[in-house]
Amino acid sequence: MGVRYTLKCRECGKDWGNIPLSYCQECLAPLGVDYDLPAIREAVTRDDIAQRAANLWRYAELLPLPEDFRSELAVGGTPLVKADRFGKKLGLRHLFVKNDAVCFPTLSFKDRVVAVALAQARAFGFEVVSCSSTGNLANSVAAQAACGGFQACIFIPADLEAAKVINTQVYGAQLVRISGNYDQVNRLCSQIADRFKWGFVNINLRPYYAEGSKTVGYEIAEQLGWELPDNVVVPMAGGSLITKIAKAFGELIELGFVKPRAVRFFGAQATGCSPISHAVKNGLDELTPQKPVTIARSLAIGNPADGRYAIKMIRDSGGWAEDCSDAEIVEAMKLLAETEGVFTETAGGVTAGVTRKLVEQGRIGRDETTVVCITGNGLKTTDALVGQYELEEPIAPRLAAFEDFQAKRLGGIAVGA
Protein backbone atom coordinates (compact mmCIF):
# COMPACT_ATOMS: atom_id res chain seq x y z
CA MET A 1 0.00 0.00 0.00
CA GLY A 2 2.96 2.33 0.46
CA VAL A 3 2.67 5.21 2.89
CA ARG A 4 -0.88 5.17 4.30
CA TYR A 5 -0.37 7.45 7.29
CA THR A 6 1.58 10.58 8.05
CA LEU A 7 1.99 13.12 10.83
CA LYS A 8 0.07 16.35 10.24
CA CYS A 9 -0.30 19.48 12.32
CA ARG A 10 -3.71 19.57 13.97
CA GLU A 11 -3.92 23.33 13.41
CA CYS A 12 -2.08 24.42 10.24
CA GLY A 13 -2.17 21.04 8.47
CA LYS A 14 1.54 20.88 7.60
CA ASP A 15 2.71 17.36 6.73
CA TRP A 16 5.69 16.11 8.74
CA GLY A 17 6.01 12.60 7.36
CA ASN A 18 6.92 9.94 9.94
CA ILE A 19 9.48 11.11 12.48
CA PRO A 20 9.69 11.14 16.30
CA LEU A 21 8.06 14.53 16.77
CA SER A 22 4.98 15.62 18.70
CA TYR A 23 4.55 19.27 17.75
CA CYS A 24 4.57 21.36 14.58
CA GLN A 25 7.84 23.24 14.25
CA GLU A 26 6.03 25.90 12.23
CA CYS A 27 3.15 26.82 14.59
CA LEU A 28 3.95 24.72 17.70
CA ALA A 29 0.54 23.00 17.64
CA PRO A 30 0.34 19.24 18.36
CA LEU A 31 0.69 16.69 15.59
CA GLY A 32 -1.79 13.93 14.79
CA VAL A 33 -1.76 10.89 12.54
CA ASP A 34 -3.60 11.25 9.24
CA TYR A 35 -4.65 8.17 7.21
CA ASP A 36 -5.50 7.39 3.61
CA LEU A 37 -8.92 6.03 4.54
CA PRO A 38 -10.11 5.41 0.96
CA ALA A 39 -7.08 3.16 0.40
CA ILE A 40 -7.69 1.39 3.70
CA ARG A 41 -11.32 0.83 2.74
CA GLU A 42 -10.10 -1.04 -0.35
CA ALA A 43 -7.59 -3.07 1.66
CA VAL A 44 -9.63 -4.45 4.58
CA THR A 45 -13.21 -5.46 5.39
CA ARG A 46 -15.12 -6.27 8.56
CA ASP A 47 -14.91 -9.94 7.61
CA ASP A 48 -11.13 -9.69 7.36
CA ILE A 49 -11.00 -8.26 10.86
CA ALA A 50 -13.32 -10.94 12.27
CA GLN A 51 -10.94 -13.69 11.17
CA ARG A 52 -7.98 -12.25 13.08
CA ALA A 53 -6.82 -12.77 16.66
CA ALA A 54 -8.89 -10.94 19.28
CA ASN A 55 -6.40 -8.21 20.15
CA LEU A 56 -5.67 -4.69 18.98
CA TRP A 57 -3.51 -5.84 16.06
CA ARG A 58 -6.69 -6.97 14.26
CA TYR A 59 -7.09 -3.27 13.38
CA ALA A 60 -3.53 -2.97 12.02
CA GLU A 61 -4.52 -1.03 8.90
CA LEU A 62 -5.98 1.70 11.11
CA LEU A 63 -2.88 2.06 13.29
CA PRO A 64 0.43 3.82 12.58
CA LEU A 65 2.57 0.70 12.33
CA PRO A 66 5.81 0.29 10.38
CA GLU A 67 5.75 -1.71 7.15
CA ASP A 68 5.65 -5.48 7.77
CA PHE A 69 5.27 -4.98 11.54
CA ARG A 70 4.34 -8.12 13.49
CA SER A 71 3.79 -8.61 17.22
CA GLU A 72 3.12 -11.63 19.41
CA LEU A 73 2.01 -9.41 22.31
CA ALA A 74 -1.74 -9.96 22.73
CA VAL A 75 -2.71 -6.48 23.93
CA GLY A 76 -6.35 -5.38 23.91
CA GLY A 77 -9.36 -7.51 23.12
CA THR A 78 -10.90 -6.75 26.52
CA PRO A 79 -14.52 -7.63 27.38
CA LEU A 80 -17.56 -5.42 26.99
CA VAL A 81 -19.67 -6.41 30.00
CA LYS A 82 -23.47 -6.06 29.99
CA ALA A 83 -23.78 -4.41 33.40
CA ASP A 84 -27.40 -5.15 34.31
CA ARG A 85 -26.99 -5.02 38.11
CA PHE A 86 -24.97 -1.83 38.04
CA GLY A 87 -27.42 -0.41 35.51
CA LYS A 88 -30.37 -1.22 37.76
CA LYS A 89 -28.76 0.73 40.60
CA LEU A 90 -28.38 3.71 38.28
CA GLY A 91 -31.72 3.32 36.53
CA LEU A 92 -30.33 2.31 33.13
CA ARG A 93 -31.59 -0.58 30.99
CA HIS A 94 -28.72 -0.85 28.52
CA LEU A 95 -25.48 -0.17 30.40
CA PHE A 96 -22.16 -1.70 29.36
CA VAL A 97 -18.73 -1.62 30.98
CA LYS A 98 -15.70 -1.67 28.70
CA ASN A 99 -13.32 -3.41 31.07
CA ASP A 100 -9.67 -2.58 30.41
CA ALA A 101 -8.92 -3.46 34.03
CA VAL A 102 -7.97 -6.84 32.55
CA CYS A 103 -5.90 -5.59 29.60
CA PHE A 104 -2.69 -7.56 28.97
CA PRO A 105 0.04 -7.26 30.15
CA THR A 106 -0.29 -4.71 33.00
CA LEU A 107 -4.06 -4.34 33.55
CA SER A 108 -4.78 -0.91 32.11
CA PHE A 109 -5.68 0.65 28.77
CA LYS A 110 -2.18 2.15 28.68
CA ASP A 111 -0.98 -1.21 27.36
CA ARG A 112 -2.71 -0.31 24.09
CA VAL A 113 -0.95 3.01 23.58
CA VAL A 114 2.46 1.68 24.61
CA ALA A 115 2.22 -1.26 22.20
CA VAL A 116 1.75 1.13 19.28
CA ALA A 117 4.40 3.59 20.49
CA LEU A 118 7.05 0.90 20.90
CA ALA A 119 6.38 -0.38 17.40
CA GLN A 120 7.55 3.02 16.17
CA ALA A 121 10.35 3.21 18.74
CA ARG A 122 11.83 0.10 17.13
CA ALA A 123 11.44 1.54 13.65
CA PHE A 124 13.14 4.79 14.67
CA GLY A 125 16.07 2.92 16.22
CA PHE A 126 15.58 3.87 19.86
CA GLU A 127 17.35 1.60 22.32
CA VAL A 128 16.02 3.35 25.43
CA VAL A 129 12.32 4.03 25.95
CA SER A 130 10.88 6.28 28.59
CA CYS A 131 7.83 8.18 29.81
CA SER A 132 6.49 10.58 32.38
CA SER A 133 3.70 8.81 34.21
CA THR A 134 1.08 8.88 36.95
CA GLY A 135 1.47 5.10 37.30
CA ASN A 136 -0.27 2.95 34.69
CA LEU A 137 1.87 4.18 31.81
CA ALA A 138 5.01 3.51 33.86
CA ASN A 139 3.88 -0.08 34.43
CA SER A 140 3.17 -0.64 30.76
CA VAL A 141 6.35 0.92 29.38
CA ALA A 142 8.46 -1.09 31.84
CA ALA A 143 6.74 -4.39 31.03
CA GLN A 144 6.69 -3.99 27.26
CA ALA A 145 10.27 -2.72 27.22
CA ALA A 146 11.30 -5.89 29.04
CA CYS A 147 9.63 -8.23 26.55
CA GLY A 148 10.72 -6.07 23.61
CA GLY A 149 14.40 -5.91 24.52
CA PHE A 150 14.51 -2.16 25.20
CA GLN A 151 16.14 -0.41 28.13
CA ALA A 152 13.63 1.63 30.12
CA CYS A 153 13.94 4.74 32.27
CA ILE A 154 10.69 5.85 33.90
CA PHE A 155 9.89 9.21 35.53
CA ILE A 156 7.12 9.48 38.14
CA PRO A 157 5.90 11.87 40.85
CA ALA A 158 7.26 10.76 44.23
CA ASP A 159 3.80 10.26 45.78
CA LEU A 160 2.48 7.50 43.51
CA GLU A 161 0.67 4.48 44.95
CA ALA A 162 3.11 1.82 46.20
CA ALA A 163 1.51 -0.88 44.05
CA LYS A 164 2.16 1.11 40.88
CA VAL A 165 5.75 1.78 41.89
CA ILE A 166 6.43 -1.92 42.49
CA ASN A 167 4.63 -2.78 39.25
CA THR A 168 7.23 -0.68 37.46
CA GLN A 169 10.32 -1.83 39.33
CA VAL A 170 9.57 -5.53 38.98
CA TYR A 171 10.20 -5.39 35.22
CA GLY A 172 13.74 -4.11 35.74
CA ALA A 173 13.19 -0.53 34.62
CA GLN A 174 15.24 2.34 36.02
CA LEU A 175 12.83 4.42 38.08
CA VAL A 176 13.34 8.15 38.68
CA ARG A 177 11.08 9.68 41.34
CA ILE A 178 10.56 13.43 41.14
CA SER A 179 9.58 15.72 44.01
CA GLY A 180 6.73 17.36 42.14
CA ASN A 181 3.40 16.73 40.43
CA TYR A 182 2.88 15.13 37.03
CA ASP A 183 2.99 18.41 35.12
CA GLN A 184 6.41 19.17 36.60
CA VAL A 185 7.63 15.66 35.78
CA ASN A 186 6.39 16.01 32.21
CA ARG A 187 8.16 19.34 31.71
CA LEU A 188 11.43 17.77 32.86
CA CYS A 189 10.94 14.84 30.51
CA SER A 190 10.36 17.20 27.58
CA GLN A 191 13.78 18.72 28.29
CA ILE A 192 15.39 15.29 28.59
CA ALA A 193 13.81 14.15 25.32
CA ASP A 194 15.44 17.11 23.58
CA ARG A 195 18.85 16.24 25.06
CA PHE A 196 18.94 12.43 24.83
CA LYS A 197 18.13 10.11 21.92
CA TRP A 198 15.42 8.29 23.87
CA GLY A 199 11.95 7.33 22.79
CA PHE A 200 9.54 9.02 25.19
CA VAL A 201 6.22 7.37 24.41
CA ASN A 202 4.14 10.36 25.54
CA ILE A 203 6.47 13.08 24.26
CA ASN A 204 8.38 12.57 21.00
CA LEU A 205 6.34 9.43 20.18
CA ARG A 206 3.05 10.89 21.42
CA PRO A 207 1.18 11.11 18.08
CA TYR A 208 1.70 7.37 17.48
CA TYR A 209 1.11 6.46 21.12
CA ALA A 210 -2.23 8.27 21.21
CA GLU A 211 -3.54 6.28 18.24
CA GLY A 212 -3.50 3.12 20.34
CA SER A 213 -6.45 4.56 22.27
CA LYS A 214 -8.61 4.27 19.15
CA THR A 215 -8.73 0.51 19.58
CA VAL A 216 -11.01 0.98 22.61
CA GLY A 217 -13.52 2.58 20.24
CA TYR A 218 -13.09 -0.06 17.54
CA GLU A 219 -13.72 -2.83 20.06
CA ILE A 220 -16.79 -1.14 21.54
CA ALA A 221 -18.36 -0.88 18.08
CA GLU A 222 -17.46 -4.41 17.08
CA GLN A 223 -18.63 -5.89 20.40
CA LEU A 224 -21.97 -4.11 20.00
CA GLY A 225 -22.43 -5.92 16.68
CA TRP A 226 -20.81 -3.16 14.61
CA GLU A 227 -23.11 -0.52 16.02
CA LEU A 228 -22.34 2.68 17.86
CA PRO A 229 -23.74 3.41 21.33
CA ASP A 230 -25.79 6.45 22.27
CA ASN A 231 -23.39 7.52 25.01
CA VAL A 232 -19.81 6.89 26.11
CA VAL A 233 -18.46 7.94 29.51
CA VAL A 234 -14.67 8.26 29.55
CA PRO A 235 -12.19 9.21 32.30
CA MET A 236 -9.99 12.18 31.43
CA ALA A 237 -6.42 12.85 32.46
CA GLY A 238 -4.62 14.39 29.48
CA GLY A 239 -7.85 14.31 27.47
CA SER A 240 -6.54 12.09 24.67
CA LEU A 241 -8.58 8.91 25.21
CA ILE A 242 -11.99 10.53 24.80
CA THR A 243 -10.96 12.28 21.57
CA LYS A 244 -9.44 9.11 20.13
CA ILE A 245 -12.54 7.01 20.79
CA ALA A 246 -14.47 9.70 18.90
CA LYS A 247 -11.91 9.52 16.10
CA ALA A 248 -12.30 5.74 15.98
CA PHE A 249 -16.07 6.00 15.59
CA GLY A 250 -15.65 8.59 12.83
CA GLU A 251 -13.22 6.36 10.94
CA LEU A 252 -15.55 3.36 11.20
CA ILE A 253 -18.36 5.46 9.73
CA GLU A 254 -16.17 6.69 6.88
CA LEU A 255 -15.03 3.12 6.13
CA GLY A 256 -18.64 1.96 6.02
CA PHE A 257 -18.10 -0.49 8.90
CA VAL A 258 -20.91 1.07 10.99
CA LYS A 259 -23.98 3.12 10.22
CA PRO A 260 -23.67 6.84 10.97
CA ARG A 261 -24.99 7.70 14.39
CA ALA A 262 -24.62 10.66 16.72
CA VAL A 263 -22.75 9.55 19.85
CA ARG A 264 -22.63 11.80 22.89
CA PHE A 265 -19.34 11.84 24.80
CA PHE A 266 -19.19 12.46 28.53
CA GLY A 267 -15.90 13.23 30.23
CA ALA A 268 -15.23 12.20 33.83
CA GLN A 269 -12.73 13.80 36.21
CA ALA A 270 -11.99 13.90 39.90
CA THR A 271 -13.14 17.13 41.57
CA GLY A 272 -9.61 17.57 42.94
CA CYS A 273 -8.22 17.74 39.41
CA SER A 274 -10.91 18.78 36.98
CA PRO A 275 -9.65 21.43 34.54
CA ILE A 276 -11.56 19.95 31.57
CA SER A 277 -14.87 19.43 33.36
CA HIS A 278 -14.58 22.89 34.91
CA ALA A 279 -14.21 24.42 31.46
CA VAL A 280 -17.13 22.46 30.00
CA LYS A 281 -19.46 23.24 32.91
CA ASN A 282 -18.59 26.92 32.74
CA GLY A 283 -18.87 27.31 28.98
CA LEU A 284 -15.15 28.00 28.48
CA ASP A 285 -13.17 27.18 25.34
CA GLU A 286 -9.85 27.13 27.16
CA LEU A 287 -8.95 25.51 30.47
CA THR A 288 -7.26 26.89 33.55
CA PRO A 289 -4.50 24.61 34.89
CA GLN A 290 -5.09 23.19 38.38
CA LYS A 291 -2.87 21.77 41.09
CA PRO A 292 -4.06 18.17 41.62
CA VAL A 293 -5.40 17.13 45.02
CA THR A 294 -7.16 13.79 44.60
CA ILE A 295 -6.85 10.08 45.34
CA ALA A 296 -7.32 9.45 41.61
CA ARG A 297 -3.63 9.92 40.87
CA SER A 298 -3.83 8.33 37.43
CA LEU A 299 -6.04 11.27 36.39
CA ALA A 300 -4.02 13.91 38.24
CA ILE A 301 -2.87 16.02 35.29
CA GLY A 302 -3.54 19.65 36.05
CA ASN A 303 -2.62 20.97 32.60
CA PRO A 304 -3.89 18.34 30.14
CA ALA A 305 -2.18 18.34 26.75
CA ASP A 306 -5.35 17.49 24.81
CA GLY A 307 -7.71 19.40 27.08
CA ARG A 308 -8.76 21.99 24.52
CA TYR A 309 -9.58 19.31 21.96
CA ALA A 310 -11.52 17.30 24.54
CA ILE A 311 -13.59 20.36 25.49
CA LYS A 312 -14.55 21.03 21.87
CA MET A 313 -15.30 17.40 21.04
CA ILE A 314 -17.50 16.92 24.12
CA ARG A 315 -19.43 20.09 23.37
CA ASP A 316 -19.80 19.30 19.65
CA SER A 317 -21.16 15.83 20.46
CA GLY A 318 -23.87 17.24 22.72
CA GLY A 319 -22.26 15.61 25.73
CA TRP A 320 -21.07 16.97 29.03
CA ALA A 321 -18.28 16.71 31.58
CA GLU A 322 -18.68 16.11 35.28
CA ASP A 323 -16.51 15.34 38.29
CA CYS A 324 -16.83 13.63 41.65
CA SER A 325 -15.22 13.89 45.07
CA ASP A 326 -12.82 11.38 46.63
CA ALA A 327 -15.62 10.01 48.80
CA GLU A 328 -17.82 9.54 45.72
CA ILE A 329 -14.95 7.81 43.92
CA VAL A 330 -14.57 5.22 46.68
CA GLU A 331 -18.32 4.68 46.89
CA ALA A 332 -18.51 4.07 43.13
CA MET A 333 -15.54 1.65 43.19
CA LYS A 334 -17.34 -0.40 45.81
CA LEU A 335 -20.67 -0.27 43.98
CA LEU A 336 -19.18 -1.48 40.70
CA ALA A 337 -17.38 -4.33 42.45
CA GLU A 338 -20.46 -5.37 44.45
CA THR A 339 -22.79 -5.34 41.44
CA GLU A 340 -20.63 -6.54 38.55
CA GLY A 341 -17.54 -8.13 40.08
CA VAL A 342 -15.35 -5.51 38.38
CA PHE A 343 -12.61 -4.17 40.66
CA THR A 344 -11.50 -0.87 39.20
CA GLU A 345 -8.82 1.55 40.27
CA THR A 346 -9.72 5.06 41.40
CA ALA A 347 -9.98 6.32 37.80
CA GLY A 348 -12.77 3.81 37.19
CA GLY A 349 -14.41 5.00 40.38
CA VAL A 350 -14.41 8.46 38.83
CA THR A 351 -16.08 7.17 35.66
CA ALA A 352 -18.67 5.11 37.53
CA GLY A 353 -19.39 7.94 39.97
CA VAL A 354 -19.76 10.49 37.20
CA THR A 355 -22.11 8.16 35.29
CA ARG A 356 -24.39 8.09 38.32
CA LYS A 357 -24.39 11.89 38.44
CA LEU A 358 -25.14 12.18 34.72
CA VAL A 359 -28.16 9.91 35.13
CA GLU A 360 -29.38 11.91 38.14
CA GLN A 361 -29.02 15.11 36.10
CA GLY A 362 -31.09 13.62 33.28
CA ARG A 363 -28.23 13.80 30.77
CA ILE A 364 -28.27 10.03 30.08
CA GLY A 365 -31.62 8.41 29.27
CA ARG A 366 -32.90 5.18 30.82
CA ASP A 367 -33.35 3.35 27.51
CA GLU A 368 -30.21 4.62 25.78
CA THR A 369 -27.19 2.39 25.15
CA THR A 370 -24.39 3.67 27.36
CA VAL A 371 -20.80 2.44 27.61
CA VAL A 372 -18.70 3.24 30.68
CA CYS A 373 -14.94 2.95 30.14
CA ILE A 374 -13.00 1.33 32.98
CA THR A 375 -9.32 1.91 32.31
CA GLY A 376 -7.35 0.27 35.13
CA ASN A 377 -7.35 -2.44 37.79
CA GLY A 378 -8.25 -1.89 41.44
CA LEU A 379 -5.30 -3.97 42.67
CA LYS A 380 -3.15 -0.96 41.79
CA THR A 381 -4.95 1.45 44.14
CA THR A 382 -5.94 -0.61 47.17
CA ASP A 383 -4.69 2.21 49.40
CA ALA A 384 -7.85 4.14 48.46
CA LEU A 385 -9.91 1.50 50.29
CA VAL A 386 -7.93 1.47 53.53
CA GLY A 387 -10.37 1.74 56.42
CA GLN A 388 -13.37 0.81 54.28
CA TYR A 389 -13.54 -2.79 55.50
CA GLU A 390 -12.98 -4.47 58.84
CA LEU A 391 -11.71 -8.01 59.42
CA GLU A 392 -13.75 -10.14 61.79
CA GLU A 393 -12.02 -11.94 64.61
CA PRO A 394 -11.08 -15.50 63.59
CA ILE A 395 -13.31 -18.32 64.84
CA ALA A 396 -12.38 -21.80 66.01
CA PRO A 397 -12.46 -24.56 63.35
CA ARG A 398 -15.65 -26.08 64.74
CA LEU A 399 -19.20 -26.17 63.38
CA ALA A 400 -20.63 -24.87 66.65
CA ALA A 401 -18.37 -21.84 66.43
CA PHE A 402 -19.52 -21.14 62.87
CA GLU A 403 -23.18 -21.57 63.79
CA ASP A 404 -22.72 -19.01 66.55
CA PHE A 405 -20.94 -16.68 64.10
CA GLN A 406 -23.67 -17.17 61.50
CA ALA A 407 -26.43 -16.33 63.98
CA LYS A 408 -24.69 -13.13 65.06
CA ARG A 409 -23.09 -11.91 61.83
CA LEU A 410 -24.56 -13.62 58.78
CA GLY A 411 -28.28 -13.09 59.20
CA GLY A 412 -28.55 -11.78 55.63
CA ILE A 413 -27.08 -14.94 54.07
CA ALA A 414 -29.49 -17.79 53.37
CA VAL A 415 -28.83 -20.94 55.36
CA GLY A 416 -30.69 -23.24 52.95
CA ALA A 417 -33.07 -26.12 53.56
Foldseek 3Di string as FASTA:
>chain_A
DPDFKFKAFPPPGDTDGDDLAAADPVPRGGIAMDGPLVVVLVVDDPVQLVPDDQALCSPVNQAPADPPDDDPFRWHNFDWAQQCQLLVVLLAHAEIERQQCVTPDARFLLLLLLVQLVNVCVVNPAQEEEEEALFPNLLNNLQVCLVVNHAYEYEYEQPHFPLSVVSNPVSPHHYDYDPDASVVRRVVVLVVVVVDVYHYSCGSVNNNSLLSLCSSLVVVCVNVVNEDFQEEEEEAALLSNQVSSVVSVVSCCVSVSHPDDQHAYEYFDAPQAPQLQVCQVVVHLDTDFHQGDELPSRRGHRHRSCSNVNSVVNVVSVHHYDYYYLVQLVVQQVSCCVRPVARADSSLSRQSSVVSVCSVVVNDDRHTNYYYYGGHGNVSRCVSCVPVDDDDDDFDPDPVRVVVCCVVPVPVDDPDD
